[in-house]
Amino acid sequence: MKKEIRSLIQKKRKTMHFSEVSEKSRRIKDHLFSMKEFIDAETILFYVSYDNEVNTHEMIQESLRMKKHLVVPVSEVKTRTIICSTLVNWDDLSFGAFNILEPRKDCIEQIATESIDLIIIPGIAFDCKGNRIGHGKGYYDRLLQKNLHTHRFGLAFELQIVEKIPTGKHDRKVEKIITEDRIIDCSTSRSH
């Protein structure tokens, strides 16, 4: 079931034109940046977007200008885990595992996940209860197992919101999902 949902949503997302991704990502950024949890957060982990995901590049650069303490993931492929590394300058990023931008080896500065106030999580599909489907490797589920007190927000285009996602015991939920049209509070499944 998850494979079918993943495949269907990836196909839909691939049909989005660059200008549509940019415009909808900008609207998502505006929602996120106006939220109390974002404003209050001192340390934020952002995924670095690729391949028609909600684009976080501008969000990261603007957060750096706002003097937020920025953290980005480094994929530890052998253990399928994420190392959380401080990001000081956008230029410290280069293509790493899976061809995703991550800090160059000489710029990796690991920080404890407990010190992160807000984690911005990617996903291929989400449902309104906060369940998500990622790429199926479990990197973010493993990260979130360690970190239960941090705010966890998913960024998604409306076309990535599905009726129901089947879940397993290792799957970790997000608290809120931010789309171009709404903010979904997953604890109540309310949108505003």
N, C-alpha and C. Protein backbone atom coordinates (compact mmCIF):
# COMPACT_ATOMS: atom_id res chain seq x y z
N MET A 1 0.82 -1.21 0.00
CA MET A 1 0.00 0.00 0.00
C MET A 1 0.87 1.27 0.00
N LYS A 2 1.89 1.28 0.90
CA LYS A 2 2.76 2.46 0.94
C LYS A 2 3.47 2.68 -0.38
N LYS A 3 3.93 1.56 -1.00
CA LYS A 3 4.63 1.66 -2.28
C LYS A 3 3.75 2.31 -3.34
N GLU A 4 2.47 1.91 -3.37
CA GLU A 4 1.54 2.46 -4.37
C GLU A 4 1.34 3.95 -4.14
N ILE A 5 1.14 4.33 -2.87
CA ILE A 5 0.94 5.76 -2.56
C ILE A 5 2.19 6.54 -2.94
N ARG A 6 3.36 6.01 -2.55
CA ARG A 6 4.64 6.68 -2.84
C ARG A 6 4.79 6.89 -4.35
N SER A 7 4.54 5.85 -5.11
CA SER A 7 4.69 5.92 -6.57
C SER A 7 3.71 6.93 -7.19
N LEU A 8 2.46 6.89 -6.76
CA LEU A 8 1.43 7.79 -7.29
C LEU A 8 1.77 9.25 -7.00
N ILE A 9 2.13 9.55 -5.75
CA ILE A 9 2.42 10.94 -5.37
C ILE A 9 3.71 11.43 -6.04
N GLN A 10 4.71 10.57 -6.14
CA GLN A 10 5.95 10.98 -6.82
C GLN A 10 5.67 11.34 -8.27
N LYS A 11 4.82 10.56 -8.93
CA LYS A 11 4.45 10.87 -10.32
C LYS A 11 3.76 12.22 -10.40
N LYS A 12 2.82 12.45 -9.50
CA LYS A 12 2.08 13.73 -9.50
C LYS A 12 3.05 14.90 -9.27
N ARG A 13 3.97 14.71 -8.30
CA ARG A 13 4.89 15.79 -7.95
C ARG A 13 5.83 16.10 -9.11
N LYS A 14 6.25 15.07 -9.84
CA LYS A 14 7.16 15.27 -10.97
C LYS A 14 6.52 16.09 -12.09
N THR A 15 5.19 16.10 -12.17
CA THR A 15 4.51 16.86 -13.23
C THR A 15 4.46 18.36 -12.92
N MET A 16 4.82 18.73 -11.69
CA MET A 16 4.78 20.15 -11.33
C MET A 16 5.90 20.90 -12.03
N HIS A 17 5.55 22.03 -12.61
CA HIS A 17 6.54 22.89 -13.27
C HIS A 17 7.35 23.62 -12.20
N PHE A 18 8.57 23.98 -12.53
CA PHE A 18 9.46 24.68 -11.60
C PHE A 18 8.79 25.93 -11.01
N SER A 19 8.08 26.68 -11.84
CA SER A 19 7.45 27.92 -11.36
C SER A 19 6.34 27.62 -10.35
N GLU A 20 5.64 26.50 -10.53
CA GLU A 20 4.59 26.10 -9.59
C GLU A 20 5.20 25.68 -8.25
N VAL A 21 6.29 24.92 -8.32
CA VAL A 21 7.00 24.51 -7.10
C VAL A 21 7.47 25.76 -6.35
N SER A 22 8.03 26.72 -7.07
CA SER A 22 8.55 27.95 -6.44
C SER A 22 7.44 28.75 -5.78
N GLU A 23 6.35 28.96 -6.50
CA GLU A 23 5.24 29.76 -5.99
C GLU A 23 4.61 29.11 -4.76
N LYS A 24 4.34 27.81 -4.85
CA LYS A 24 3.71 27.11 -3.71
C LYS A 24 4.66 27.02 -2.53
N SER A 25 5.94 26.84 -2.79
CA SER A 25 6.95 26.80 -1.71
C SER A 25 7.01 28.15 -1.00
N ARG A 26 6.89 29.23 -1.76
CA ARG A 26 6.91 30.57 -1.16
C ARG A 26 5.72 30.75 -0.22
N ARG A 27 4.55 30.25 -0.64
CA ARG A 27 3.35 30.36 0.21
C ARG A 27 3.50 29.52 1.48
N ILE A 28 4.13 28.34 1.33
CA ILE A 28 4.37 27.48 2.49
C ILE A 28 5.34 28.18 3.45
N LYS A 29 6.37 28.80 2.90
CA LYS A 29 7.34 29.54 3.72
C LYS A 29 6.64 30.65 4.51
N ASP A 30 5.75 31.38 3.83
CA ASP A 30 5.02 32.47 4.51
C ASP A 30 4.21 31.94 5.69
N HIS A 31 3.53 30.80 5.49
CA HIS A 31 2.77 30.18 6.59
C HIS A 31 3.71 29.81 7.74
N LEU A 32 4.79 29.08 7.40
CA LEU A 32 5.72 28.60 8.41
C LEU A 32 6.33 29.75 9.21
N PHE A 33 6.80 30.78 8.50
CA PHE A 33 7.51 31.87 9.16
C PHE A 33 6.58 32.72 10.04
N SER A 34 5.27 32.58 9.88
CA SER A 34 4.34 33.36 10.71
C SER A 34 3.88 32.56 11.94
N MET A 35 4.31 31.30 12.04
CA MET A 35 3.86 30.45 13.14
C MET A 35 4.67 30.69 14.41
N LYS A 36 3.97 30.66 15.55
CA LYS A 36 4.62 30.90 16.84
C LYS A 36 5.79 29.93 17.08
N GLU A 37 5.60 28.65 16.73
CA GLU A 37 6.66 27.66 16.97
C GLU A 37 7.93 28.01 16.20
N PHE A 38 7.77 28.55 14.99
CA PHE A 38 8.94 28.94 14.20
C PHE A 38 9.57 30.20 14.79
N ILE A 39 8.74 31.18 15.09
CA ILE A 39 9.26 32.45 15.62
C ILE A 39 10.03 32.22 16.92
N ASP A 40 9.48 31.35 17.79
CA ASP A 40 10.10 31.10 19.09
C ASP A 40 11.32 30.17 19.01
N ALA A 41 11.41 29.38 17.95
CA ALA A 41 12.49 28.39 17.86
C ALA A 41 13.84 29.08 17.67
N GLU A 42 14.82 28.68 18.47
CA GLU A 42 16.17 29.20 18.30
C GLU A 42 16.98 28.29 17.38
N THR A 43 16.78 26.98 17.53
CA THR A 43 17.53 25.99 16.75
C THR A 43 16.55 25.19 15.90
N ILE A 44 16.74 25.25 14.58
CA ILE A 44 15.81 24.61 13.65
C ILE A 44 16.56 23.68 12.72
N LEU A 45 16.05 22.45 12.59
CA LEU A 45 16.60 21.52 11.60
C LEU A 45 15.71 21.59 10.36
N PHE A 46 16.30 21.96 9.24
CA PHE A 46 15.61 21.97 7.95
C PHE A 46 16.16 20.85 7.08
N TYR A 47 15.30 20.12 6.39
CA TYR A 47 15.81 19.25 5.33
C TYR A 47 16.21 20.15 4.16
N VAL A 48 17.19 19.73 3.38
CA VAL A 48 17.61 20.50 2.21
C VAL A 48 16.92 19.85 1.01
N SER A 49 16.03 20.60 0.39
CA SER A 49 15.14 20.02 -0.63
C SER A 49 15.88 19.66 -1.92
N TYR A 50 15.27 18.68 -2.61
CA TYR A 50 15.73 18.29 -3.95
C TYR A 50 14.55 17.66 -4.67
N ASP A 51 14.64 17.56 -5.98
CA ASP A 51 13.71 16.77 -6.77
C ASP A 51 12.22 17.12 -6.55
N ASN A 52 11.87 18.38 -6.76
CA ASN A 52 10.47 18.83 -6.67
C ASN A 52 9.83 18.68 -5.29
N GLU A 53 10.66 18.60 -4.24
CA GLU A 53 10.11 18.70 -2.89
C GLU A 53 9.75 20.15 -2.64
N VAL A 54 8.97 20.40 -1.57
CA VAL A 54 8.76 21.79 -1.15
C VAL A 54 10.16 22.38 -0.98
N ASN A 55 10.41 23.48 -1.69
CA ASN A 55 11.76 24.04 -1.74
C ASN A 55 12.11 24.76 -0.44
N THR A 56 13.15 24.26 0.23
CA THR A 56 13.56 24.86 1.51
C THR A 56 14.79 25.76 1.36
N HIS A 57 15.36 25.86 0.16
CA HIS A 57 16.61 26.63 0.01
C HIS A 57 16.44 28.08 0.46
N GLU A 58 15.38 28.71 0.00
CA GLU A 58 15.14 30.11 0.39
C GLU A 58 14.82 30.22 1.88
N MET A 59 14.10 29.24 2.41
CA MET A 59 13.76 29.24 3.84
C MET A 59 15.03 29.17 4.68
N ILE A 60 15.96 28.31 4.27
CA ILE A 60 17.22 28.15 5.01
C ILE A 60 18.03 29.44 4.94
N GLN A 61 18.14 30.01 3.74
CA GLN A 61 18.94 31.23 3.58
C GLN A 61 18.33 32.38 4.38
N GLU A 62 17.01 32.49 4.37
CA GLU A 62 16.37 33.57 5.13
C GLU A 62 16.51 33.34 6.63
N SER A 63 16.42 32.09 7.07
CA SER A 63 16.59 31.77 8.50
C SER A 63 18.01 32.10 8.96
N LEU A 64 18.99 31.86 8.10
CA LEU A 64 20.37 32.23 8.42
C LEU A 64 20.49 33.75 8.60
N ARG A 65 19.83 34.49 7.69
CA ARG A 65 19.86 35.96 7.81
C ARG A 65 19.16 36.42 9.09
N MET A 66 18.18 35.64 9.55
CA MET A 66 17.45 35.98 10.79
C MET A 66 18.23 35.60 12.03
N LYS A 67 19.42 35.02 11.82
CA LYS A 67 20.30 34.59 12.92
C LYS A 67 19.72 33.43 13.73
N LYS A 68 18.91 32.61 13.06
CA LYS A 68 18.48 31.36 13.70
C LYS A 68 19.68 30.42 13.71
N HIS A 69 19.73 29.51 14.66
CA HIS A 69 20.77 28.48 14.66
C HIS A 69 20.25 27.37 13.75
N LEU A 70 20.86 27.24 12.58
CA LEU A 70 20.37 26.31 11.55
C LEU A 70 21.10 24.99 11.62
N VAL A 71 20.34 23.93 11.46
CA VAL A 71 20.87 22.58 11.48
C VAL A 71 20.33 21.88 10.23
N VAL A 72 21.18 21.09 9.58
CA VAL A 72 20.74 20.32 8.41
C VAL A 72 21.22 18.88 8.57
N PRO A 73 20.52 17.95 7.89
CA PRO A 73 20.91 16.55 8.03
C PRO A 73 22.09 16.15 7.16
N VAL A 74 22.89 15.25 7.71
CA VAL A 74 23.94 14.58 6.95
C VAL A 74 23.59 13.10 7.01
N SER A 75 23.45 12.47 5.85
CA SER A 75 23.06 11.05 5.82
C SER A 75 24.25 10.15 6.11
N GLU A 76 24.08 9.32 7.11
CA GLU A 76 25.07 8.31 7.45
C GLU A 76 24.56 7.01 6.81
N VAL A 77 25.03 6.74 5.58
CA VAL A 77 24.44 5.70 4.75
C VAL A 77 24.59 4.30 5.38
N LYS A 78 25.76 4.00 5.98
CA LYS A 78 25.98 2.67 6.55
C LYS A 78 24.95 2.32 7.61
N THR A 79 24.63 3.29 8.47
CA THR A 79 23.71 3.02 9.58
C THR A 79 22.29 3.52 9.30
N ARG A 80 22.11 4.13 8.14
CA ARG A 80 20.80 4.72 7.78
C ARG A 80 20.30 5.67 8.87
N THR A 81 21.21 6.51 9.34
CA THR A 81 20.84 7.50 10.36
C THR A 81 21.22 8.90 9.87
N ILE A 82 20.68 9.87 10.58
CA ILE A 82 20.96 11.27 10.26
C ILE A 82 21.87 11.84 11.33
N ILE A 83 22.93 12.48 10.88
CA ILE A 83 23.77 13.29 11.77
C ILE A 83 23.26 14.72 11.63
N CYS A 84 22.99 15.36 12.76
CA CYS A 84 22.51 16.74 12.74
C CYS A 84 23.72 17.66 12.81
N SER A 85 23.89 18.48 11.76
CA SER A 85 25.07 19.36 11.70
C SER A 85 24.65 20.82 11.60
N THR A 86 25.31 21.65 12.37
CA THR A 86 25.09 23.09 12.29
C THR A 86 25.45 23.57 10.88
N LEU A 87 24.68 24.53 10.37
CA LEU A 87 25.00 25.17 9.09
C LEU A 87 25.19 26.65 9.34
N VAL A 88 26.37 27.15 9.03
CA VAL A 88 26.68 28.57 9.26
C VAL A 88 26.50 29.37 7.98
N ASN A 89 26.93 28.80 6.85
CA ASN A 89 26.83 29.47 5.56
C ASN A 89 26.25 28.52 4.52
N TRP A 90 25.39 29.04 3.66
CA TRP A 90 24.83 28.24 2.58
C TRP A 90 25.95 27.62 1.73
N ASP A 91 27.04 28.36 1.56
CA ASP A 91 28.15 27.91 0.72
C ASP A 91 28.91 26.71 1.30
N ASP A 92 28.61 26.34 2.55
CA ASP A 92 29.25 25.17 3.16
C ASP A 92 28.65 23.86 2.67
N LEU A 93 27.58 23.96 1.86
CA LEU A 93 26.90 22.75 1.37
C LEU A 93 27.51 22.27 0.06
N SER A 94 27.56 20.96 -0.10
CA SER A 94 27.93 20.37 -1.39
C SER A 94 27.15 19.06 -1.53
N PHE A 95 27.14 18.49 -2.73
CA PHE A 95 26.33 17.29 -2.95
C PHE A 95 26.92 16.11 -2.20
N GLY A 96 26.05 15.46 -1.41
CA GLY A 96 26.47 14.32 -0.61
C GLY A 96 25.69 13.08 -1.00
N ALA A 97 25.34 12.29 0.02
CA ALA A 97 24.60 11.05 -0.21
C ALA A 97 23.30 11.34 -0.96
N PHE A 98 22.93 10.46 -1.86
CA PHE A 98 21.68 10.56 -2.63
C PHE A 98 21.62 11.85 -3.46
N ASN A 99 22.79 12.46 -3.68
CA ASN A 99 22.85 13.70 -4.47
C ASN A 99 22.06 14.85 -3.84
N ILE A 100 22.02 14.87 -2.51
CA ILE A 100 21.34 15.93 -1.77
C ILE A 100 22.41 16.82 -1.15
N LEU A 101 22.16 18.13 -1.13
CA LEU A 101 23.11 19.05 -0.51
C LEU A 101 23.21 18.79 0.99
N GLU A 102 24.45 18.67 1.47
CA GLU A 102 24.70 18.57 2.90
C GLU A 102 26.06 19.20 3.19
N PRO A 103 26.34 19.52 4.45
CA PRO A 103 27.62 20.18 4.74
C PRO A 103 28.81 19.35 4.25
N ARG A 104 29.80 20.07 3.69
CA ARG A 104 31.05 19.40 3.31
C ARG A 104 31.68 18.77 4.55
N LYS A 105 32.46 17.74 4.34
CA LYS A 105 33.08 17.00 5.47
C LYS A 105 33.78 17.94 6.45
N ASP A 106 34.50 18.95 5.91
CA ASP A 106 35.25 19.85 6.79
C ASP A 106 34.35 20.86 7.50
N CYS A 107 33.06 20.89 7.16
CA CYS A 107 32.13 21.84 7.78
C CYS A 107 31.14 21.17 8.72
N ILE A 108 31.22 19.83 8.83
CA ILE A 108 30.26 19.13 9.68
C ILE A 108 30.56 19.44 11.15
N GLU A 109 29.55 19.93 11.83
CA GLU A 109 29.66 20.25 13.25
C GLU A 109 28.42 19.65 13.92
N GLN A 110 28.59 18.45 14.43
CA GLN A 110 27.44 17.70 14.97
C GLN A 110 26.89 18.35 16.23
N ILE A 111 25.54 18.36 16.32
CA ILE A 111 24.93 18.85 17.56
C ILE A 111 23.94 17.80 18.06
N ALA A 112 23.63 17.86 19.33
CA ALA A 112 22.70 16.91 19.95
C ALA A 112 21.28 17.21 19.49
N THR A 113 20.55 16.15 19.17
CA THR A 113 19.17 16.35 18.71
C THR A 113 18.30 17.00 19.79
N GLU A 114 18.64 16.77 21.07
CA GLU A 114 17.84 17.34 22.17
C GLU A 114 17.86 18.86 22.16
N SER A 115 18.86 19.46 21.51
CA SER A 115 18.95 20.93 21.53
C SER A 115 18.16 21.58 20.39
N ILE A 116 17.51 20.77 19.56
CA ILE A 116 16.74 21.31 18.43
C ILE A 116 15.32 21.62 18.87
N ASP A 117 14.84 22.82 18.55
CA ASP A 117 13.49 23.24 18.94
C ASP A 117 12.43 22.85 17.93
N LEU A 118 12.81 22.79 16.66
CA LEU A 118 11.84 22.53 15.59
C LEU A 118 12.53 21.72 14.48
N ILE A 119 11.89 20.63 14.09
CA ILE A 119 12.41 19.81 12.98
C ILE A 119 11.44 19.93 11.81
N ILE A 120 11.95 20.36 10.66
CA ILE A 120 11.16 20.47 9.43
C ILE A 120 11.44 19.21 8.61
N ILE A 121 10.38 18.43 8.41
CA ILE A 121 10.53 17.08 7.88
C ILE A 121 9.96 16.98 6.46
N PRO A 122 10.71 16.33 5.58
CA PRO A 122 10.18 16.10 4.23
C PRO A 122 9.30 14.86 4.23
N GLY A 123 8.58 14.67 3.17
CA GLY A 123 7.80 13.45 3.02
C GLY A 123 7.28 13.38 1.60
N ILE A 124 6.96 12.20 1.16
CA ILE A 124 6.35 12.07 -0.16
C ILE A 124 4.85 12.22 -0.04
N ALA A 125 4.29 11.68 1.07
CA ALA A 125 2.85 11.82 1.29
C ALA A 125 2.59 11.94 2.79
N PHE A 126 1.51 12.63 3.13
CA PHE A 126 1.08 12.78 4.53
C PHE A 126 -0.43 12.57 4.59
N ASP A 127 -0.92 12.14 5.76
CA ASP A 127 -2.36 12.22 5.98
C ASP A 127 -2.60 13.22 7.12
N CYS A 128 -3.85 13.58 7.34
CA CYS A 128 -4.16 14.66 8.30
C CYS A 128 -3.94 14.26 9.75
N LYS A 129 -3.65 13.01 9.99
CA LYS A 129 -3.34 12.57 11.36
C LYS A 129 -1.84 12.67 11.65
N GLY A 130 -1.06 13.13 10.65
CA GLY A 130 0.37 13.32 10.86
C GLY A 130 1.23 12.15 10.44
N ASN A 131 0.63 11.11 9.88
CA ASN A 131 1.41 9.99 9.36
C ASN A 131 2.06 10.42 8.04
N ARG A 132 3.24 9.86 7.76
CA ARG A 132 3.94 10.25 6.55
C ARG A 132 4.57 9.04 5.87
N ILE A 133 4.78 9.21 4.58
CA ILE A 133 5.56 8.24 3.81
C ILE A 133 6.77 8.99 3.29
N GLY A 134 7.94 8.47 3.62
CA GLY A 134 9.17 9.06 3.11
C GLY A 134 9.67 8.21 1.94
N HIS A 135 10.98 8.15 1.80
CA HIS A 135 11.55 7.36 0.70
C HIS A 135 11.70 5.88 1.08
N GLY A 136 11.28 5.53 2.30
CA GLY A 136 11.25 4.13 2.68
C GLY A 136 12.52 3.62 3.35
N LYS A 137 13.44 4.52 3.67
CA LYS A 137 14.69 4.08 4.28
C LYS A 137 14.72 4.30 5.79
N GLY A 138 13.73 5.06 6.32
CA GLY A 138 13.58 5.20 7.77
C GLY A 138 14.51 6.21 8.45
N TYR A 139 15.23 7.01 7.67
CA TYR A 139 16.16 7.98 8.28
C TYR A 139 15.46 8.90 9.29
N TYR A 140 14.35 9.51 8.86
CA TYR A 140 13.68 10.47 9.74
C TYR A 140 12.96 9.77 10.89
N ASP A 141 12.40 8.58 10.66
CA ASP A 141 11.77 7.84 11.76
C ASP A 141 12.79 7.56 12.86
N ARG A 142 14.01 7.18 12.46
CA ARG A 142 15.04 6.91 13.46
C ARG A 142 15.44 8.19 14.20
N LEU A 143 15.53 9.29 13.47
CA LEU A 143 15.86 10.57 14.10
C LEU A 143 14.77 10.96 15.11
N LEU A 144 13.52 10.81 14.72
CA LEU A 144 12.41 11.24 15.58
C LEU A 144 12.22 10.33 16.79
N GLN A 145 12.69 9.10 16.72
CA GLN A 145 12.61 8.21 17.88
C GLN A 145 13.41 8.79 19.04
N LYS A 146 14.50 9.46 18.70
CA LYS A 146 15.39 10.01 19.73
C LYS A 146 14.83 11.30 20.30
N ASN A 147 13.92 11.91 19.59
CA ASN A 147 13.61 13.30 19.88
C ASN A 147 12.12 13.53 20.01
N LEU A 148 11.59 13.27 21.19
CA LEU A 148 10.14 13.29 21.32
C LEU A 148 9.59 14.64 21.80
N HIS A 149 10.44 15.54 22.25
CA HIS A 149 9.95 16.81 22.81
C HIS A 149 10.06 17.98 21.84
N THR A 150 10.63 17.73 20.69
CA THR A 150 10.82 18.78 19.69
C THR A 150 9.59 18.90 18.81
N HIS A 151 9.27 20.14 18.40
CA HIS A 151 8.18 20.32 17.43
C HIS A 151 8.59 19.66 16.12
N ARG A 152 7.64 18.96 15.49
CA ARG A 152 7.89 18.25 14.24
C ARG A 152 6.86 18.68 13.21
N PHE A 153 7.31 19.41 12.19
CA PHE A 153 6.40 19.90 11.15
C PHE A 153 6.77 19.28 9.81
N GLY A 154 5.77 18.87 9.06
CA GLY A 154 5.97 18.40 7.70
C GLY A 154 5.61 19.50 6.72
N LEU A 155 6.38 19.60 5.64
CA LEU A 155 6.06 20.54 4.56
C LEU A 155 5.60 19.71 3.37
N ALA A 156 4.46 20.12 2.77
CA ALA A 156 3.93 19.33 1.65
C ALA A 156 3.05 20.21 0.76
N PHE A 157 3.01 19.86 -0.50
CA PHE A 157 2.03 20.46 -1.40
C PHE A 157 0.70 19.76 -1.15
N GLU A 158 -0.40 20.45 -1.43
CA GLU A 158 -1.73 19.86 -1.24
C GLU A 158 -1.84 18.50 -1.93
N LEU A 159 -1.22 18.35 -3.10
CA LEU A 159 -1.34 17.09 -3.83
C LEU A 159 -0.68 15.92 -3.10
N GLN A 160 0.09 16.21 -2.04
CA GLN A 160 0.75 15.17 -1.27
C GLN A 160 -0.07 14.71 -0.06
N ILE A 161 -1.21 15.36 0.17
CA ILE A 161 -2.07 14.99 1.29
C ILE A 161 -3.03 13.90 0.83
N VAL A 162 -2.99 12.76 1.51
CA VAL A 162 -3.84 11.63 1.13
C VAL A 162 -4.79 11.31 2.29
N GLU A 163 -5.80 10.49 1.97
CA GLU A 163 -6.83 10.13 2.95
C GLU A 163 -6.25 9.43 4.18
N LYS A 164 -5.49 8.35 3.95
CA LYS A 164 -4.99 7.56 5.08
C LYS A 164 -3.70 6.85 4.67
N ILE A 165 -2.74 6.89 5.58
CA ILE A 165 -1.46 6.21 5.35
C ILE A 165 -1.35 5.05 6.33
N PRO A 166 -1.07 3.85 5.81
CA PRO A 166 -0.88 2.71 6.72
C PRO A 166 0.39 2.93 7.54
N THR A 167 0.36 2.55 8.82
CA THR A 167 1.51 2.82 9.68
C THR A 167 2.03 1.55 10.32
N GLY A 168 3.31 1.60 10.66
CA GLY A 168 3.96 0.51 11.39
C GLY A 168 4.47 1.04 12.72
N LYS A 169 5.02 0.15 13.55
CA LYS A 169 5.42 0.58 14.90
C LYS A 169 6.61 1.53 14.89
N HIS A 170 7.39 1.56 13.81
CA HIS A 170 8.56 2.44 13.78
C HIS A 170 8.24 3.82 13.18
N ASP A 171 7.06 3.96 12.60
CA ASP A 171 6.70 5.23 11.96
C ASP A 171 6.47 6.31 13.01
N ARG A 172 6.97 7.49 12.72
CA ARG A 172 6.80 8.62 13.64
C ARG A 172 5.98 9.70 12.95
N LYS A 173 5.06 10.29 13.71
CA LYS A 173 4.15 11.29 13.16
C LYS A 173 4.74 12.70 13.24
N VAL A 174 4.17 13.59 12.43
CA VAL A 174 4.45 15.01 12.57
C VAL A 174 3.28 15.65 13.31
N GLU A 175 3.56 16.79 13.91
CA GLU A 175 2.57 17.51 14.71
C GLU A 175 1.66 18.37 13.82
N LYS A 176 2.29 19.02 12.85
CA LYS A 176 1.56 19.89 11.94
C LYS A 176 2.10 19.70 10.53
N ILE A 177 1.22 19.91 9.55
CA ILE A 177 1.63 19.86 8.14
C ILE A 177 1.29 21.21 7.54
N ILE A 178 2.26 21.79 6.85
CA ILE A 178 2.05 23.10 6.25
C ILE A 178 2.02 22.93 4.74
N THR A 179 0.90 23.32 4.13
CA THR A 179 0.78 23.26 2.67
C THR A 179 0.65 24.69 2.16
N GLU A 180 0.54 24.82 0.84
CA GLU A 180 0.38 26.16 0.27
C GLU A 180 -0.97 26.78 0.65
N ASP A 181 -1.94 25.94 1.05
CA ASP A 181 -3.29 26.45 1.33
C ASP A 181 -3.67 26.48 2.80
N ARG A 182 -2.98 25.68 3.63
CA ARG A 182 -3.44 25.57 5.02
C ARG A 182 -2.36 25.02 5.93
N ILE A 183 -2.65 25.12 7.22
CA ILE A 183 -1.82 24.50 8.26
C ILE A 183 -2.71 23.44 8.90
N ILE A 184 -2.29 22.20 8.85
CA ILE A 184 -3.09 21.10 9.40
C ILE A 184 -2.53 20.76 10.78
N ASP A 185 -3.37 20.90 11.80
CA ASP A 185 -2.99 20.51 13.15
C ASP A 185 -3.34 19.03 13.30
N CYS A 186 -2.33 18.18 13.32
CA CYS A 186 -2.57 16.73 13.25
C CYS A 186 -3.13 16.16 14.54
N SER A 187 -2.97 16.89 15.67
CA SER A 187 -3.51 16.38 16.93
C SER A 187 -5.04 16.47 16.91
N THR A 188 -5.57 17.42 16.14
CA THR A 188 -7.02 17.58 16.07
C THR A 188 -7.53 17.32 14.66
N SER A 189 -6.61 17.20 13.70
CA SER A 189 -6.94 17.08 12.28
C SER A 189 -7.74 18.28 11.78
N ARG A 190 -7.47 19.45 12.39
CA ARG A 190 -8.12 20.68 11.95
C ARG A 190 -7.19 21.45 11.02
N SER A 191 -7.78 22.14 10.07
CA SER A 191 -7.00 23.01 9.17
C SER A 191 -7.36 24.46 9.45
N HIS A 192 -6.36 25.32 9.27
CA HIS A 192 -6.67 26.76 9.34
C HIS A 192 -5.75 27.50 8.38
